[in-house]
């Protein structure tokens, strides 16, 4: 059995763990207000957000696939609250 985790929390799939990671990043661990998150989504594309997250994850970014990160941001964009992903 493969363990998919982020922040010492186990998730049922790698996709769920990545979704939690991107949600935590864009919400600054829950510190950003919903309006601040909405501003980030309005100002930047999923690709730009993914590139920013990956650049901040260096040197451990190689464990993340850019296309998967882009897809996670697209899913977050469609959610009512990014906190639901965490």
Protein backbone atom coordinates (compact mmCIF):
# COMPACT_ATOMS: atom_id res chain seq x y z
CA UNK A 1 0.00 0.00 0.00
CA UNK A 2 1.33 3.40 -0.99
CA UNK A 3 1.09 6.17 1.56
CA UNK A 4 0.20 9.57 0.18
CA UNK A 5 0.82 12.28 2.71
CA UNK A 6 1.29 15.97 3.14
CA UNK A 7 2.07 17.75 6.42
CA UNK A 8 2.01 14.43 8.27
CA UNK A 9 -1.57 13.77 7.18
CA UNK A 10 -2.36 10.64 5.16
CA UNK A 11 -4.55 11.05 2.08
CA UNK A 12 -6.27 8.29 0.10
CA UNK A 13 -4.63 9.30 -3.20
CA UNK A 14 -1.64 11.24 -4.46
CA UNK A 15 -4.08 13.65 -6.11
CA UNK A 16 -5.75 14.39 -2.75
CA UNK A 17 -2.38 14.99 -1.08
CA UNK A 18 -1.31 17.36 -3.87
CA UNK A 19 -4.64 19.18 -3.68
CA UNK A 20 -4.08 19.69 0.05
CA UNK A 21 -0.54 20.93 -0.61
CA UNK A 22 -1.65 23.48 -3.21
CA UNK A 23 -4.55 24.61 -0.99
CA UNK A 24 -2.22 25.06 1.95
CA UNK A 25 0.22 27.02 -0.18
CA UNK A 26 -2.34 29.40 -1.72
CA UNK A 27 -4.06 29.95 1.61
CA UNK A 28 -0.74 30.45 3.44
CA UNK A 29 -1.67 27.67 5.80
CA UNK A 30 -5.13 29.15 6.36
CA UNK A 31 -3.87 32.66 7.12
CA UNK A 32 -5.08 34.23 3.85
CA UNK A 33 -8.65 35.45 3.71
CA UNK A 34 -10.99 34.13 1.02
CA UNK A 35 -10.75 37.50 -0.74
CA UNK A 36 -6.95 37.26 -0.87
CA UNK A 37 -7.16 33.78 -2.38
CA UNK A 38 -9.70 35.03 -4.94
CA UNK A 39 -7.33 37.86 -5.85
CA UNK A 40 -4.52 35.37 -6.43
CA UNK A 41 -6.73 33.29 -8.71
CA UNK A 42 -7.90 36.41 -10.57
CA UNK A 43 -4.39 37.76 -11.05
CA UNK A 44 -2.62 34.57 -12.13
CA UNK A 45 -3.23 31.55 -14.30
CA UNK A 46 -3.06 28.03 -12.94
CA UNK A 47 0.24 27.66 -14.78
CA UNK A 48 1.70 30.80 -13.17
CA UNK A 49 0.57 29.67 -9.72
CA UNK A 50 2.11 26.23 -10.31
CA UNK A 51 5.40 27.76 -11.39
CA UNK A 52 5.46 29.98 -8.30
CA UNK A 53 4.73 27.07 -5.97
CA UNK A 54 7.38 24.92 -7.65
CA UNK A 55 9.99 27.68 -7.42
CA UNK A 56 9.29 28.02 -3.69
CA UNK A 57 9.59 24.24 -3.20
CA UNK A 58 13.15 24.10 -4.51
CA UNK A 59 15.16 21.92 -4.14
CA UNK A 60 12.34 19.44 -3.46
CA UNK A 61 10.21 20.46 -6.44
CA UNK A 62 11.41 17.46 -8.47
CA UNK A 63 8.94 15.28 -6.53
CA UNK A 64 6.09 17.30 -8.06
CA UNK A 65 4.90 17.10 -11.65
CA UNK A 66 4.09 20.55 -13.04
CA UNK A 67 1.06 19.28 -14.96
CA UNK A 68 -0.33 17.72 -11.79
CA UNK A 69 0.18 20.97 -9.89
CA UNK A 70 -1.55 22.95 -12.66
CA UNK A 71 -4.49 20.50 -12.51
CA UNK A 72 -4.66 20.84 -8.73
CA UNK A 73 -4.91 24.63 -9.01
CA UNK A 74 -7.64 24.23 -11.63
CA UNK A 75 -9.58 22.01 -9.20
CA UNK A 76 -9.08 24.51 -6.37
CA UNK A 77 -10.32 27.31 -8.60
CA UNK A 78 -13.59 25.39 -9.03
CA UNK A 79 -14.10 24.75 -5.31
CA UNK A 80 -16.26 26.90 -3.04
CA UNK A 81 -13.47 27.03 -0.47
CA UNK A 82 -9.88 25.90 -0.82
CA UNK A 83 -9.99 24.92 2.84
CA UNK A 84 -12.26 22.03 1.79
CA UNK A 85 -9.20 20.50 0.11
CA UNK A 86 -7.20 20.43 3.30
